[in-house]
Amino acid sequence: MGKRGFLRREASPKEVLEHGLRLAREVAPPTPKGQRGRPWRYDHGLYLALLLFRAFFHLTHRKTEALLRDLTEAPFPSHPSLARYAAQHLDP
C-alpha cells in the first residue's frame, strides 16, 4: 500500500506503449512527403514512441524490438532503424 492507503500498480508495457504513441504523435514533426528518395515507412511519432518506451523500461534496442514483437502484431521498425533514427534526429 502507498502512503495514503492506495494500492500502487505498475503500468503494463502495453499501456506504456499506448500512452507513448499518443504523446509522441502530438509532438512529432510531420513526416516528409513529396521529396526525393525512398518514402518513410513509419512516421516520426512511431519512432519517438518506441524510443520513449525503450527509455522508460531501460532496454536495449534489441530487447525493445523483442518485447514489441510479443506485445503487438502491428509492423514496427527494426532495432537498427531505431538506433539510426535516434542518432540522426535526437540530441546526444
Protein backbone atom coordinates (compact mmCIF):
# COMPACT_ATOMS: atom_id res chain seq x y z
CA MET A 1 0.00 0.00 0.00
CA GLY A 2 1.07 3.52 -0.70
CA LYS A 3 1.28 6.45 1.69
CA ARG A 4 -2.45 7.09 1.90
CA GLY A 5 -3.74 3.56 1.63
CA PHE A 6 -3.88 3.44 -2.16
CA LEU A 7 -2.54 0.42 -3.93
CA ARG A 8 0.33 1.16 -6.30
CA ARG A 9 0.03 -0.52 -9.63
CA GLU A 10 2.82 -0.76 -12.16
CA ALA A 11 1.87 0.20 -15.68
CA SER A 12 1.87 -2.68 -18.12
CA PRO A 13 4.16 -2.43 -21.15
CA LYS A 14 1.11 -2.27 -23.44
CA GLU A 15 -0.28 0.73 -21.51
CA VAL A 16 3.08 2.48 -21.61
CA LEU A 17 3.28 1.92 -25.37
CA GLU A 18 -0.25 3.29 -25.94
CA HIS A 19 0.43 6.42 -23.88
CA GLY A 20 3.81 6.89 -25.56
CA LEU A 21 2.20 6.66 -29.01
CA ARG A 22 -0.43 9.22 -28.10
CA LEU A 23 2.12 11.66 -26.67
CA ALA A 24 4.65 11.19 -29.46
CA ARG A 25 2.09 11.77 -32.20
CA GLU A 26 1.17 15.10 -30.57
CA VAL A 27 4.74 16.43 -30.56
CA ALA A 28 6.31 14.70 -33.57
CA PRO A 29 7.10 16.70 -36.68
CA PRO A 30 5.11 15.79 -39.78
CA THR A 31 6.54 13.00 -41.90
CA PRO A 32 8.08 14.47 -45.08
CA LYS A 33 6.28 13.72 -48.32
CA GLY A 34 7.00 14.55 -51.94
CA GLN A 35 10.77 14.69 -51.63
CA ARG A 36 13.36 12.69 -53.50
CA GLY A 37 14.41 9.29 -52.27
CA ARG A 38 12.65 6.40 -50.63
CA PRO A 39 9.49 7.37 -48.74
CA TRP A 40 9.28 6.94 -45.00
CA ARG A 41 7.82 3.59 -43.99
CA TYR A 42 6.97 4.70 -40.44
CA ASP A 43 6.10 8.16 -39.18
CA HIS A 44 8.19 10.18 -36.74
CA GLY A 45 5.63 9.64 -33.98
CA LEU A 46 6.13 5.88 -34.01
CA TYR A 47 9.90 6.21 -33.79
CA LEU A 48 9.61 8.65 -30.88
CA ALA A 49 7.09 6.44 -29.06
CA LEU A 50 9.36 3.41 -29.38
CA LEU A 51 12.33 5.38 -28.11
CA LEU A 52 10.23 6.61 -25.15
CA PHE A 53 9.20 3.01 -24.48
CA ARG A 54 12.84 1.95 -24.61
CA ALA A 55 13.92 4.69 -22.19
CA PHE A 56 11.03 4.02 -19.78
CA PHE A 57 11.98 0.36 -19.34
CA HIS A 58 15.79 0.88 -19.70
CA LEU A 59 16.02 -1.59 -22.58
CA THR A 60 18.50 -2.06 -25.39
CA HIS A 61 17.34 -1.64 -28.98
CA ARG A 62 17.23 -5.43 -29.49
CA LYS A 63 15.26 -6.07 -26.30
CA THR A 64 12.84 -3.31 -27.27
CA GLU A 65 12.22 -4.99 -30.61
CA ALA A 66 11.72 -8.40 -28.97
CA LEU A 67 9.26 -7.03 -26.41
CA LEU A 68 7.29 -5.19 -29.10
CA ARG A 69 7.11 -8.36 -31.16
CA ASP A 70 5.49 -10.07 -28.14
CA LEU A 71 3.10 -7.17 -27.44
CA THR A 72 1.72 -6.30 -30.83
CA GLU A 73 1.13 -7.67 -34.30
CA ALA A 74 1.43 -4.23 -35.91
CA PRO A 75 4.53 -3.53 -38.01
CA PHE A 76 7.27 -1.50 -36.36
CA PRO A 77 10.86 -0.52 -37.21
CA SER A 78 13.74 -2.89 -36.51
CA HIS A 79 16.39 -2.22 -33.89
CA PRO A 80 18.97 -0.88 -36.39
CA SER A 81 16.36 1.57 -37.68
CA LEU A 82 15.61 2.76 -34.13
CA ALA A 83 19.29 3.25 -33.39
CA ARG A 84 19.85 5.12 -36.66
CA TYR A 85 16.81 7.36 -36.08
CA ALA A 86 17.97 8.17 -32.54
CA ALA A 87 21.48 9.02 -33.74
CA GLN A 88 20.29 11.23 -36.61
CA HIS A 89 17.27 13.01 -35.16
CA LEU A 90 17.81 13.30 -31.40
CA ASP A 91 20.38 15.33 -29.49
CA PRO A 92 23.04 13.21 -27.73
